Amino acid sequence: MDSMWPEVEKASKEKRHELVLSGANVSERIRTDELDKNVFNLTPINFLEISKTCLESLPNLLGNLVNLTSLVLHNNKLKSLPTEISQLSKLHLLDASTNEIESLPEEFNELTNLHTLNLNCNKLTTLPNFKEMVNLHVVMMSHNNLTSFPEGLSDEALIHLNTINLGSNEIGEIPDDLSNLPSLKSIDLSENKFDAIPPEMSQCTRIKEFNFKGNKLKDRRLKKLVEQGCKPKAFLDYLGTILAKQKPAEKSSKKKKGKKVAEKDEGEVEKLVNEMEVLRLMSDDLMTVQMTEAVANVRPYIVCCIVRNLNFQKTLNMFKHFITLQTKLHDTICEKRVAATIATHDLAAVKVPLKYDALPPQDIKIHPLFGRQEVSADELVTKLRTEAEAYRREKKRNTFSGIHKYLELLDGKAEYPCLKDSEDRVISFPPITNSDITKISKTTESILIEVTSSTDMHICKKVLDELLKGMLEMGCGNPPKDGATGATAQDGDQEVPKQLTVEQVRVLDTEGHLKVVYPSRTDLNYGSLPINVKRE
């Protein structure tokens, strides 16, 4: 190849950000010679399309195009993708549909900013784990040779994933944890090899489109609903009835409890009272938070407590309900995080005592929630601002959304607040993010809750009061010691009182004197609500 292709030369001279090579003419040049390697010297481009050609492979030089946000490779003869594709850290869209790709490189899951993945009509048999690809919105891999549901594609970290198309494969089983995906709206698993649909899918309440046709379902009624293309509500309701039938032990237990209540006087109506037990902090307990002079001038108010003996696995959606509760409080009483910010940590991962500090952005090192590695607060905020502006322009909006809308709360700040543990690790960067090293999960049994504010202490306590009340009412605490099984949010009844165990945490001022302890005897005042606060 002696000369530069005219399209490539033009893009280079004019410093273009897009390059399209498509059709018979391009295909003939590739067949006669090969793809012009100068394409991969065009580092400024953010959009590259090579389509409808006889191209069988891409060179390792693909990794040079670090500014690519869209890579379109449909209708070629590609057998594989180079490992270096993982270096395209800004990639949002990859369309490699209608090729002959059999597998993806193991490093593929390093594309953590990828939003849309289209691999329809290939020969895929194996895939990497998708767990780390937390920004995925759309995944399309229909008409391949997949024999199992892609690993990690139903992980709870994929909070944005709304569309899955795996039709016309050879998948033999559907995972029972699809309800982990809070944004899932469309799923296509038609023409596969499974004979049952997990009833737990009834918890995917945001489903608007589904297609499971062409599978040999054993349940005749379910098969009829699927083949006739019933509405999502009818489909989900039927799965819900199956799920309910699979829990006879729970129903039996409820009946026994009902009999005990019925044994009381017929005219007596007993009002069950939920219980919140407050454990007093011992004088030698290391669970304290030391404030510094620096943070007192930046974000001076912090209140913390511990909640023990939790069980987020009582129901399929218990953990999701807890996350939703936090989001609701952030949007309401916290006034979009302007008044206060909530952060939760798995207590088992927290090294005490803690320090509440404020530092220059470049001196704060944090492994952000669902992030791949540690970064400085300066780098994180810069990255988020860039993403926010790009997303706003793409969607043609005047305002930001998601975590990006909280960035303005840091405007004008020379120092940022942070909560550090005894090993000097930053576990929280309010009001932006928690650390991934202390993130909570369905298996978390005890959590540390922090609420910070730049306005006043009262709002911190008020937010915690509401959060603990919500946790008590949803039933995520362990049952009373007498062995009765607590009612849950899914049960929809009040047969058994619920219980929550809360432990005090002290915050010390800059001189080591007590600034605040929560919950104190003046906190958790719920008036006439059926809540008994039991204090040591």
Protein backbone atom coordinates (compact mmCIF):
# COMPACT_ATOMS: atom_id res chain seq x y z
CA MET A 1 0.00 0.00 0.00
CA ASP A 2 1.92 2.99 -1.33
CA SER A 3 -0.59 5.81 -1.05
CA MET A 4 -3.22 7.04 1.33
CA TRP A 5 -6.84 6.41 0.38
CA PRO A 6 -8.57 9.65 -0.71
CA GLU A 7 -11.18 9.42 2.06
CA VAL A 8 -8.48 8.99 4.67
CA GLU A 9 -6.34 11.78 3.24
CA LYS A 10 -9.31 14.15 3.22
CA ALA A 11 -10.18 13.32 6.81
CA SER A 12 -6.57 13.89 7.84
CA LYS A 13 -6.14 17.22 6.05
CA GLU A 14 -9.49 18.61 7.18
CA LYS A 15 -9.05 17.23 10.71
CA ARG A 16 -12.44 15.60 10.50
CA HIS A 17 -13.97 13.74 13.44
CA GLU A 18 -15.84 11.19 11.32
CA LEU A 19 -14.79 8.66 8.69
CA VAL A 20 -17.09 6.34 6.73
CA LEU A 21 -15.73 3.57 4.48
CA SER A 22 -18.58 1.51 3.05
CA GLY A 23 -19.71 -0.41 0.01
CA ALA A 24 -18.45 -2.32 -2.99
CA ASN A 25 -15.72 0.14 -3.97
CA VAL A 26 -14.10 -0.01 -0.53
CA SER A 27 -14.52 -3.78 -0.45
CA GLU A 28 -12.69 -4.15 -3.77
CA ARG A 29 -9.76 -2.07 -2.52
CA ILE A 30 -9.54 -4.23 0.61
CA ARG A 31 -9.65 -7.41 -1.49
CA THR A 32 -7.01 -6.14 -3.92
CA ASP A 33 -4.68 -4.63 -1.38
CA GLU A 34 -5.76 -4.26 2.26
CA LEU A 35 -7.36 -1.70 4.51
CA ASP A 36 -5.39 1.56 4.54
CA LYS A 37 -3.45 1.48 7.84
CA ASN A 38 -3.42 5.28 7.85
CA VAL A 39 -7.00 5.06 9.12
CA PHE A 40 -5.56 4.23 12.51
CA ASN A 41 -3.43 7.38 12.60
CA LEU A 42 -6.55 9.56 12.60
CA THR A 43 -6.56 9.88 16.38
CA PRO A 44 -8.97 12.89 16.49
CA ILE A 45 -11.90 10.96 14.97
CA ASN A 46 -14.73 9.96 17.27
CA PHE A 47 -16.86 8.12 14.67
CA LEU A 48 -15.56 5.34 12.44
CA GLU A 49 -17.64 3.20 10.11
CA ILE A 50 -16.28 0.36 8.00
CA SER A 51 -19.25 -1.58 6.61
CA LYS A 52 -20.48 -3.76 3.76
CA THR A 53 -17.02 -4.99 2.82
CA CYS A 54 -14.98 -8.21 2.72
CA LEU A 55 -12.90 -7.11 5.74
CA GLU A 56 -11.91 -10.21 7.77
CA SER A 57 -9.81 -8.66 10.52
CA LEU A 58 -8.82 -5.39 12.14
CA PRO A 59 -5.20 -4.59 13.01
CA ASN A 60 -3.96 -4.05 16.54
CA LEU A 61 -3.55 -0.40 15.53
CA LEU A 62 -7.28 0.00 16.27
CA GLY A 63 -6.20 0.79 19.83
CA ASN A 64 -4.69 4.09 18.59
CA LEU A 65 -8.14 5.60 18.05
CA VAL A 66 -8.58 6.51 21.71
CA ASN A 67 -11.16 9.23 21.00
CA LEU A 68 -13.68 6.94 19.32
CA THR A 69 -17.15 7.09 20.80
CA SER A 70 -18.85 5.17 17.97
CA LEU A 71 -17.43 2.20 16.05
CA VAL A 72 -19.65 0.77 13.30
CA LEU A 73 -18.48 -2.48 11.68
CA HIS A 74 -21.65 -4.15 10.43
CA ASN A 75 -21.92 -6.36 7.34
CA ASN A 76 -18.30 -7.39 6.97
CA LYS A 77 -16.53 -10.77 7.24
CA LEU A 78 -14.84 -10.19 10.60
CA LYS A 79 -13.81 -13.37 12.43
CA SER A 80 -12.76 -11.64 15.64
CA LEU A 81 -12.06 -8.29 17.30
CA PRO A 82 -8.53 -7.38 18.39
CA THR A 83 -7.63 -7.28 22.07
CA GLU A 84 -6.67 -3.62 21.62
CA ILE A 85 -10.34 -2.68 21.28
CA SER A 86 -10.30 -2.54 25.09
CA GLN A 87 -8.15 0.62 24.82
CA LEU A 88 -11.10 2.57 23.35
CA SER A 89 -12.15 3.82 26.79
CA LYS A 90 -14.51 6.49 25.42
CA LEU A 91 -16.50 4.07 23.25
CA HIS A 92 -20.26 4.42 23.70
CA LEU A 93 -21.53 2.47 20.70
CA LEU A 94 -20.21 -0.68 19.04
CA ASP A 95 -22.10 -2.19 16.11
CA ALA A 96 -20.37 -5.31 14.78
CA SER A 97 -23.54 -7.03 13.62
CA THR A 98 -23.68 -9.37 10.62
CA ASN A 99 -20.13 -10.66 10.73
CA GLU A 100 -18.61 -14.05 11.57
CA ILE A 101 -17.29 -13.31 15.07
CA GLU A 102 -17.07 -16.41 17.29
CA SER A 103 -15.80 -14.88 20.52
CA LEU A 104 -14.78 -11.60 22.15
CA PRO A 105 -11.41 -10.89 23.77
CA GLU A 106 -11.31 -11.30 27.56
CA GLU A 107 -10.40 -7.62 27.89
CA PHE A 108 -13.64 -6.60 26.17
CA ASN A 109 -15.30 -5.91 29.52
CA GLU A 110 -12.85 -3.05 30.07
CA LEU A 111 -15.12 -0.97 27.80
CA THR A 112 -16.92 0.35 30.87
CA ASN A 113 -18.38 3.41 29.10
CA LEU A 114 -20.11 1.35 26.42
CA HIS A 115 -23.82 2.16 26.17
CA THR A 116 -24.97 0.16 23.14
CA LEU A 117 -23.61 -3.20 21.97
CA ASN A 118 -24.94 -4.75 18.75
CA LEU A 119 -23.52 -8.16 17.87
CA ASN A 120 -26.57 -9.58 16.11
CA CYS A 121 -26.00 -12.16 13.38
CA ASN A 122 -22.57 -13.52 14.22
CA LYS A 123 -21.28 -16.95 15.34
CA LEU A 124 -20.69 -16.16 19.02
CA THR A 125 -20.31 -19.13 21.36
CA THR A 126 -18.43 -17.62 24.31
CA LEU A 127 -18.49 -14.21 25.95
CA PRO A 128 -16.62 -12.35 28.69
CA ASN A 129 -18.30 -11.45 31.99
CA PHE A 130 -20.39 -8.29 31.56
CA LYS A 131 -20.53 -7.42 35.28
CA GLU A 132 -18.06 -4.53 35.03
CA MET A 133 -19.77 -2.90 32.04
CA VAL A 134 -21.99 -0.81 34.28
CA ASN A 135 -23.02 1.77 31.66
CA LEU A 136 -24.65 -0.69 29.27
CA HIS A 137 -28.12 0.39 28.15
CA VAL A 138 -28.74 -1.87 25.13
CA VAL A 139 -27.35 -5.37 24.41
CA MET A 140 -28.27 -7.13 21.14
CA MET A 141 -26.81 -10.56 20.36
CA SER A 142 -29.57 -12.35 18.47
CA HIS A 143 -28.87 -15.01 15.81
CA ASN A 144 -25.68 -16.39 17.35
CA ASN A 145 -24.67 -19.77 18.82
CA LEU A 146 -24.89 -18.93 22.52
CA THR A 147 -25.85 -21.88 24.73
CA SER A 148 -26.15 -19.97 28.00
CA PHE A 149 -27.30 -16.56 29.18
CA PRO A 150 -24.29 -14.18 29.14
CA GLU A 151 -22.50 -14.18 32.50
CA GLY A 152 -22.90 -10.98 34.50
CA LEU A 153 -25.65 -9.62 32.24
CA SER A 154 -28.17 -9.81 35.09
CA ASP A 155 -25.83 -8.35 37.72
CA GLU A 156 -27.28 -5.69 40.00
CA ALA A 157 -24.47 -3.30 38.97
CA LEU A 158 -26.06 -2.92 35.50
CA ILE A 159 -28.55 -0.33 36.67
CA HIS A 160 -28.99 1.28 33.21
CA LEU A 161 -29.58 -1.85 31.14
CA ASN A 162 -33.03 -1.52 29.56
CA THR A 163 -32.93 -3.69 26.41
CA ILE A 164 -31.73 -7.28 25.94
CA ASN A 165 -32.12 -9.15 22.65
CA LEU A 166 -30.81 -12.74 22.67
CA GLY A 167 -33.32 -14.21 20.26
CA SER A 168 -32.43 -17.12 17.95
CA ASN A 169 -29.65 -18.68 20.02
CA GLU A 170 -29.44 -22.00 21.86
CA ILE A 171 -29.84 -20.75 25.43
CA GLY A 172 -31.10 -23.55 27.66
CA GLU A 173 -32.00 -21.61 30.81
CA ILE A 174 -33.01 -18.11 31.89
CA PRO A 175 -31.43 -16.81 35.13
CA ASP A 176 -33.82 -16.17 38.03
CA ASP A 177 -32.24 -12.84 38.97
CA LEU A 178 -33.31 -10.65 36.04
CA SER A 179 -35.18 -8.55 38.60
CA ASN A 180 -31.71 -7.24 39.56
CA LEU A 181 -32.01 -4.98 36.50
CA PRO A 182 -34.14 -2.03 37.67
CA SER A 183 -34.33 -0.40 34.21
CA LEU A 184 -35.18 -3.49 32.14
CA LYS A 185 -38.01 -2.64 29.74
CA SER A 186 -37.52 -4.90 26.71
CA ILE A 187 -36.32 -8.51 26.50
CA ASP A 188 -36.29 -10.91 23.54
CA LEU A 189 -35.34 -14.56 24.11
CA SER A 190 -37.40 -16.02 21.29
CA GLU A 191 -36.30 -19.14 19.40
CA ASN A 192 -34.03 -20.61 22.07
CA LYS A 193 -33.87 -23.96 23.90
CA PHE A 194 -35.33 -23.33 27.37
CA ASP A 195 -38.51 -25.01 28.61
CA ALA A 196 -39.36 -22.76 31.56
CA ILE A 197 -39.41 -19.08 32.51
CA PRO A 198 -38.39 -18.36 36.13
CA PRO A 199 -41.41 -17.03 38.07
CA GLU A 200 -39.07 -14.53 39.76
CA MET A 201 -39.28 -12.58 36.51
CA SER A 202 -42.67 -11.38 37.75
CA GLN A 203 -40.65 -8.84 39.74
CA CYS A 204 -39.46 -7.15 36.51
CA THR A 205 -42.34 -4.70 36.76
CA ARG A 206 -41.00 -2.18 34.21
CA ILE A 207 -41.17 -4.63 31.30
CA LYS A 208 -42.99 -3.07 28.33
CA GLU A 209 -41.96 -5.50 25.58
CA PHE A 210 -41.13 -9.21 25.76
CA ASN A 211 -40.76 -12.06 23.28
CA PHE A 212 -40.29 -15.68 24.37
CA LYS A 213 -41.93 -17.28 21.34
CA GLY A 214 -40.48 -20.40 19.76
CA ASN A 215 -39.40 -22.12 22.98
CA LYS A 216 -40.74 -25.49 24.16
CA LEU A 217 -42.32 -24.27 27.38
CA LYS A 218 -43.71 -27.05 29.58
CA ASP A 219 -46.34 -24.84 31.20
CA ARG A 220 -49.17 -24.93 28.64
CA ARG A 221 -50.92 -21.82 29.84
CA LEU A 222 -47.68 -19.84 29.92
CA LYS A 223 -46.85 -21.12 26.42
CA LYS A 224 -50.24 -19.96 25.19
CA LEU A 225 -49.77 -16.49 26.72
CA VAL A 226 -46.34 -16.20 25.13
CA GLU A 227 -47.29 -17.46 21.67
CA GLN A 228 -50.40 -15.30 21.50
CA GLY A 229 -48.40 -12.20 22.37
CA CYS A 230 -50.33 -11.22 25.48
CA LYS A 231 -49.77 -7.90 27.21
CA PRO A 232 -46.84 -7.66 29.64
CA LYS A 233 -49.15 -7.28 32.66
CA ALA A 234 -50.93 -10.59 31.98
CA PHE A 235 -47.59 -12.33 31.48
CA LEU A 236 -46.08 -10.93 34.69
CA ASP A 237 -49.25 -11.57 36.71
CA TYR A 238 -49.27 -15.23 35.71
CA LEU A 239 -45.61 -15.63 36.67
CA GLY A 240 -46.51 -13.96 39.96
CA THR A 241 -49.15 -16.60 40.70
CA ILE A 242 -46.61 -19.35 40.06
CA LEU A 243 -44.14 -17.66 42.39
CA ALA A 244 -46.76 -17.40 45.12
CA LYS A 245 -47.54 -21.14 44.84
CA GLN A 246 -43.88 -21.95 45.32
CA LYS A 247 -43.97 -20.54 48.85
CA PRO A 248 -46.41 -22.85 50.70
CA ALA A 249 -44.26 -22.83 53.82
CA GLU A 250 -44.63 -19.08 54.18
CA LYS A 251 -48.38 -19.26 53.70
CA SER A 252 -48.66 -22.08 56.22
CA SER A 253 -46.70 -20.03 58.71
CA LYS A 254 -49.01 -17.07 58.19
CA LYS A 255 -52.08 -19.22 58.78
CA LYS A 256 -50.71 -20.42 62.11
CA LYS A 257 -50.03 -16.87 63.19
CA GLY A 258 -53.52 -15.91 62.09
CA LYS A 259 -54.99 -18.59 64.36
CA LYS A 260 -53.11 -17.18 67.36
CA VAL A 261 -54.57 -13.76 66.70
CA ALA A 262 -58.05 -15.26 66.27
CA GLU A 263 -57.82 -16.87 69.70
CA LYS A 264 -58.07 -13.40 71.26
CA ASP A 265 -61.44 -11.89 72.10
CA GLU A 266 -63.51 -11.61 68.94
CA GLY A 267 -64.29 -7.94 69.55
CA GLU A 268 -60.70 -7.02 70.30
CA VAL A 269 -58.66 -5.34 67.59
CA GLU A 270 -54.97 -5.47 68.42
CA LYS A 271 -52.73 -2.79 66.96
CA LEU A 272 -49.30 -4.29 66.30
CA VAL A 273 -46.37 -2.04 67.08
CA ASN A 274 -43.06 -2.22 65.20
CA GLU A 275 -39.96 -1.99 67.37
CA MET A 276 -36.72 -0.09 66.92
CA GLU A 277 -34.03 -1.06 69.40
CA VAL A 278 -31.24 1.46 70.07
CA LEU A 279 -27.93 0.04 71.27
CA ARG A 280 -25.89 2.43 73.40
CA LEU A 281 -22.32 3.19 72.38
CA MET A 282 -19.78 1.82 74.85
CA SER A 283 -17.21 4.29 76.21
CA ASP A 284 -14.29 2.35 74.73
CA ASP A 285 -15.91 1.76 71.35
CA LEU A 286 -13.72 2.73 68.38
CA MET A 287 -16.77 3.55 66.22
CA THR A 288 -16.29 7.31 66.26
CA VAL A 289 -15.96 10.02 63.61
CA GLN A 290 -13.33 12.71 64.19
CA MET A 291 -13.93 16.04 62.43
CA THR A 292 -11.11 18.30 61.25
CA GLU A 293 -10.88 22.07 61.16
CA ALA A 294 -10.78 21.98 57.35
CA VAL A 295 -14.13 20.25 56.89
CA ALA A 296 -15.75 22.53 59.47
CA ASN A 297 -15.37 25.32 56.91
CA VAL A 298 -16.60 23.29 53.92
CA ARG A 299 -19.39 20.87 54.88
CA PRO A 300 -19.58 21.05 58.69
CA TYR A 301 -22.46 18.74 59.57
CA ILE A 302 -22.35 14.96 59.76
CA VAL A 303 -24.48 12.41 61.63
CA CYS A 304 -23.91 8.64 61.56
CA CYS A 305 -25.35 5.43 62.95
CA ILE A 306 -25.06 1.67 62.48
CA VAL A 307 -27.90 -0.69 61.60
CA ARG A 308 -27.25 -4.33 62.48
CA ASN A 309 -28.92 -7.70 61.85
CA LEU A 310 -30.19 -6.86 58.37
CA ASN A 311 -31.57 -9.32 55.84
CA PHE A 312 -31.94 -7.88 52.35
CA GLN A 313 -32.76 -11.32 50.96
CA LYS A 314 -36.13 -11.78 52.68
CA THR A 315 -37.82 -11.02 49.39
CA LEU A 316 -36.60 -10.75 45.82
CA ASN A 317 -36.93 -6.97 45.75
CA MET A 318 -36.00 -6.07 49.33
CA PHE A 319 -32.56 -4.72 48.40
CA LYS A 320 -33.96 -2.82 45.42
CA HIS A 321 -36.63 -1.28 47.69
CA PHE A 322 -33.92 -0.09 50.07
CA ILE A 323 -32.02 1.62 47.22
CA THR A 324 -35.29 3.16 46.02
CA LEU A 325 -35.96 4.47 49.54
CA GLN A 326 -32.61 6.30 49.54
CA THR A 327 -33.28 7.75 46.10
CA LYS A 328 -36.73 8.96 47.20
CA LEU A 329 -35.29 10.68 50.27
CA HIS A 330 -32.55 12.29 48.17
CA ASP A 331 -35.21 13.73 45.86
CA THR A 332 -37.53 14.93 48.64
CA ILE A 333 -36.33 15.73 52.15
CA CYS A 334 -32.70 16.04 50.97
CA GLU A 335 -33.84 18.51 48.26
CA LYS A 336 -31.91 16.80 45.44
CA ARG A 337 -28.86 16.43 47.76
CA VAL A 338 -28.68 20.21 48.21
CA ALA A 339 -29.85 20.06 51.84
CA ALA A 340 -28.23 16.71 52.73
CA THR A 341 -26.65 13.58 51.25
CA ILE A 342 -27.01 9.95 52.38
CA ALA A 343 -24.21 7.39 52.09
CA THR A 344 -24.33 3.73 53.16
CA HIS A 345 -21.41 1.37 53.76
CA ASP A 346 -21.03 -2.33 54.45
CA LEU A 347 -19.80 -2.22 58.04
CA ALA A 348 -17.68 -5.34 57.54
CA ALA A 349 -15.52 -3.39 55.05
CA VAL A 350 -15.13 -0.26 57.21
CA LYS A 351 -11.95 0.18 59.27
CA VAL A 352 -12.60 2.34 62.36
CA PRO A 353 -12.19 4.96 63.74
CA LEU A 354 -13.13 7.39 60.97
CA LYS A 355 -12.03 10.92 60.07
CA TYR A 356 -14.26 13.52 58.42
CA ASP A 357 -11.92 15.83 56.53
CA ALA A 358 -11.63 18.30 53.64
CA LEU A 359 -8.72 18.26 51.19
CA PRO A 360 -7.71 19.79 47.86
CA PRO A 361 -9.36 17.74 45.04
CA GLN A 362 -6.03 16.36 43.79
CA ASP A 363 -5.24 14.96 47.27
CA ILE A 364 -8.44 12.92 47.61
CA LYS A 365 -8.02 9.41 46.20
CA ILE A 366 -11.19 7.33 45.91
CA HIS A 367 -12.30 4.14 44.17
CA PRO A 368 -15.76 5.43 43.10
CA LEU A 369 -18.85 3.26 43.29
CA PHE A 370 -18.82 0.75 40.38
CA GLY A 371 -15.57 2.30 39.15
CA ARG A 372 -12.67 0.16 37.95
CA GLN A 373 -9.85 1.86 39.82
CA GLU A 374 -8.83 4.57 42.24
CA VAL A 375 -8.82 8.14 40.94
CA SER A 376 -8.39 11.58 42.44
CA ALA A 377 -11.48 13.64 43.21
CA ASP A 378 -10.15 16.18 40.71
CA GLU A 379 -9.99 13.55 37.95
CA LEU A 380 -13.40 12.15 38.86
CA VAL A 381 -15.13 15.53 38.83
CA THR A 382 -13.44 16.53 35.56
CA LYS A 383 -14.51 13.24 33.96
CA LEU A 384 -18.08 13.63 35.22
CA ARG A 385 -18.29 17.21 33.98
CA THR A 386 -17.08 16.14 30.52
CA GLU A 387 -19.57 13.27 30.41
CA ALA A 388 -22.35 15.53 31.64
CA GLU A 389 -21.75 18.13 28.97
CA ALA A 390 -21.47 15.53 26.20
CA TYR A 391 -24.66 13.80 27.33
CA ARG A 392 -26.52 17.10 27.62
CA ARG A 393 -25.56 18.04 24.08
CA GLU A 394 -26.37 14.59 22.73
CA LYS A 395 -29.85 14.72 24.27
CA LYS A 396 -30.23 18.43 23.48
CA ARG A 397 -31.10 19.26 27.07
CA ASN A 398 -30.56 22.39 29.11
CA THR A 399 -29.97 20.55 32.39
CA PHE A 400 -27.99 17.58 33.62
CA SER A 401 -29.35 14.29 34.96
CA GLY A 402 -28.21 11.48 37.26
CA ILE A 403 -25.05 12.00 39.29
CA HIS A 404 -24.03 14.85 36.95
CA LYS A 405 -26.68 17.18 38.39
CA TYR A 406 -24.87 17.19 41.75
CA LEU A 407 -21.60 18.51 40.35
CA GLU A 408 -22.71 22.11 40.68
CA LEU A 409 -22.75 21.63 44.46
CA LEU A 410 -18.94 21.62 44.29
CA ASP A 411 -18.65 24.84 42.29
CA GLY A 412 -16.26 27.33 43.84
CA LYS A 413 -14.88 24.86 46.39
CA ALA A 414 -11.08 24.84 46.84
CA GLU A 415 -11.37 21.77 49.08
CA TYR A 416 -13.78 18.83 48.93
CA PRO A 417 -15.21 16.93 51.92
CA CYS A 418 -14.40 13.26 52.42
CA LEU A 419 -14.81 10.51 55.01
CA LYS A 420 -11.67 8.40 55.60
CA ASP A 421 -11.17 5.20 57.56
CA SER A 422 -8.31 4.25 59.89
CA GLU A 423 -6.25 3.01 56.93
CA ASP A 424 -6.54 6.46 55.31
CA ARG A 425 -8.84 5.14 52.57
CA VAL A 426 -11.54 7.55 51.36
CA ILE A 427 -14.87 5.73 51.72
CA SER A 428 -17.13 8.66 50.90
CA PHE A 429 -16.97 11.82 48.80
CA PRO A 430 -20.21 13.73 49.51
CA PRO A 431 -22.33 14.75 47.73
CA ILE A 432 -20.95 12.85 44.70
CA THR A 433 -20.26 9.18 45.46
CA ASN A 434 -19.37 6.43 47.91
CA SER A 435 -16.34 4.20 47.60
CA ASP A 436 -16.68 0.87 45.84
CA ILE A 437 -14.63 -0.80 48.59
CA THR A 438 -17.44 -0.37 51.14
CA LYS A 439 -20.47 -0.71 48.86
CA ILE A 440 -23.44 -2.63 50.22
CA SER A 441 -25.05 -5.68 48.58
CA LYS A 442 -27.88 -8.14 49.13
CA THR A 443 -25.68 -10.12 51.52
CA THR A 444 -24.76 -7.14 53.71
CA GLU A 445 -25.83 -7.73 57.32
CA SER A 446 -24.75 -4.49 59.02
CA ILE A 447 -24.39 -1.02 57.53
CA LEU A 448 -22.89 2.29 58.52
CA ILE A 449 -25.08 5.20 57.47
CA GLU A 450 -23.74 8.74 57.16
CA VAL A 451 -25.72 11.87 56.41
CA THR A 452 -23.84 15.09 55.68
CA SER A 453 -24.98 18.64 55.09
CA SER A 454 -23.59 22.10 54.48
CA THR A 455 -26.65 23.79 56.01
CA ASP A 456 -27.50 22.45 59.48
CA MET A 457 -27.40 19.47 61.87
CA HIS A 458 -31.17 19.24 62.19
CA ILE A 459 -31.68 18.21 58.57
CA CYS A 460 -29.09 15.41 58.98
CA LYS A 461 -31.01 13.98 61.95
CA LYS A 462 -34.35 14.42 60.22
CA VAL A 463 -33.13 12.51 57.16
CA LEU A 464 -31.79 9.67 59.30
CA ASP A 465 -35.06 9.51 61.25
CA GLU A 466 -36.97 9.08 58.00
CA LEU A 467 -34.51 6.55 56.55
CA LEU A 468 -34.63 4.36 59.66
CA LYS A 469 -38.42 4.55 59.74
CA GLY A 470 -38.56 3.43 56.11
CA MET A 471 -36.16 0.55 56.80
CA LEU A 472 -38.24 -0.57 59.76
CA GLU A 473 -41.49 -0.48 57.78
CA MET A 474 -40.09 -2.41 54.80
CA GLY A 475 -39.04 -5.20 57.17
CA CYS A 476 -35.36 -5.52 56.28
CA GLY A 477 -34.39 -6.06 59.94
CA ASN A 478 -34.13 -9.48 61.54
CA PRO A 479 -37.28 -10.84 63.24
CA PRO A 480 -38.00 -10.49 66.99
CA LYS A 481 -36.11 -12.82 69.31
CA ASP A 482 -39.16 -14.98 69.98
CA GLY A 483 -38.60 -16.54 66.54
CA ALA A 484 -41.63 -15.14 64.71
CA THR A 485 -41.01 -14.30 61.11
CA GLY A 486 -41.39 -10.60 60.43
CA ALA A 487 -43.78 -9.41 57.78
CA THR A 488 -42.16 -7.92 54.74
CA ALA A 489 -42.99 -5.28 52.20
CA GLN A 490 -43.95 -8.03 49.75
CA ASP A 491 -46.21 -9.80 52.23
CA GLY A 492 -48.50 -6.78 52.28
CA ASP A 493 -49.79 -7.48 55.80
CA GLN A 494 -49.09 -6.49 59.39
CA GLU A 495 -49.46 -9.87 61.14
CA VAL A 496 -46.11 -9.69 62.92
CA PRO A 497 -44.28 -6.62 64.25
CA LYS A 498 -41.07 -5.71 62.49
CA GLN A 499 -37.80 -4.93 64.20
CA LEU A 500 -34.73 -2.84 63.49
CA THR A 501 -31.53 -2.72 65.54
CA VAL A 502 -29.76 0.65 65.53
CA GLU A 503 -26.44 1.42 67.20
CA GLN A 504 -25.19 4.85 68.20
CA VAL A 505 -22.18 6.54 66.60
CA ARG A 506 -20.36 9.53 68.12
CA VAL A 507 -19.00 12.47 66.12
CA LEU A 508 -16.15 14.36 67.81
CA ASP A 509 -15.25 17.98 67.15
CA THR A 510 -11.81 19.24 66.16
CA GLU A 511 -10.61 19.09 69.79
CA GLY A 512 -11.89 15.56 70.40
CA HIS A 513 -14.96 16.60 72.38
CA LEU A 514 -18.39 15.13 71.69
CA LYS A 515 -20.18 17.09 68.96
CA VAL A 516 -23.16 14.81 68.35
CA VAL A 517 -24.29 11.27 69.08
CA TYR A 518 -27.03 9.63 67.05
CA PRO A 519 -29.59 8.45 67.86
CA SER A 520 -29.85 10.34 71.16
CA ARG A 521 -32.89 10.26 73.43
CA THR A 522 -34.39 13.24 71.60
CA ASP A 523 -34.14 11.49 68.20
CA LEU A 524 -36.48 8.91 66.61
CA ASN A 525 -39.58 10.69 67.86
CA TYR A 526 -42.37 9.26 65.70
CA GLY A 527 -45.34 10.65 67.62
CA SER A 528 -48.49 8.57 67.22
CA LEU A 529 -47.02 6.16 64.69
CA PRO A 530 -47.08 2.49 65.79
CA ILE A 531 -43.33 2.43 66.48
CA ASN A 532 -41.85 1.57 69.85
CA VAL A 533 -38.30 2.89 70.28
CA LYS A 534 -36.59 0.70 72.86
CA ARG A 535 -33.48 2.27 74.36
CA GLU A 536 -30.82 0.65 76.55
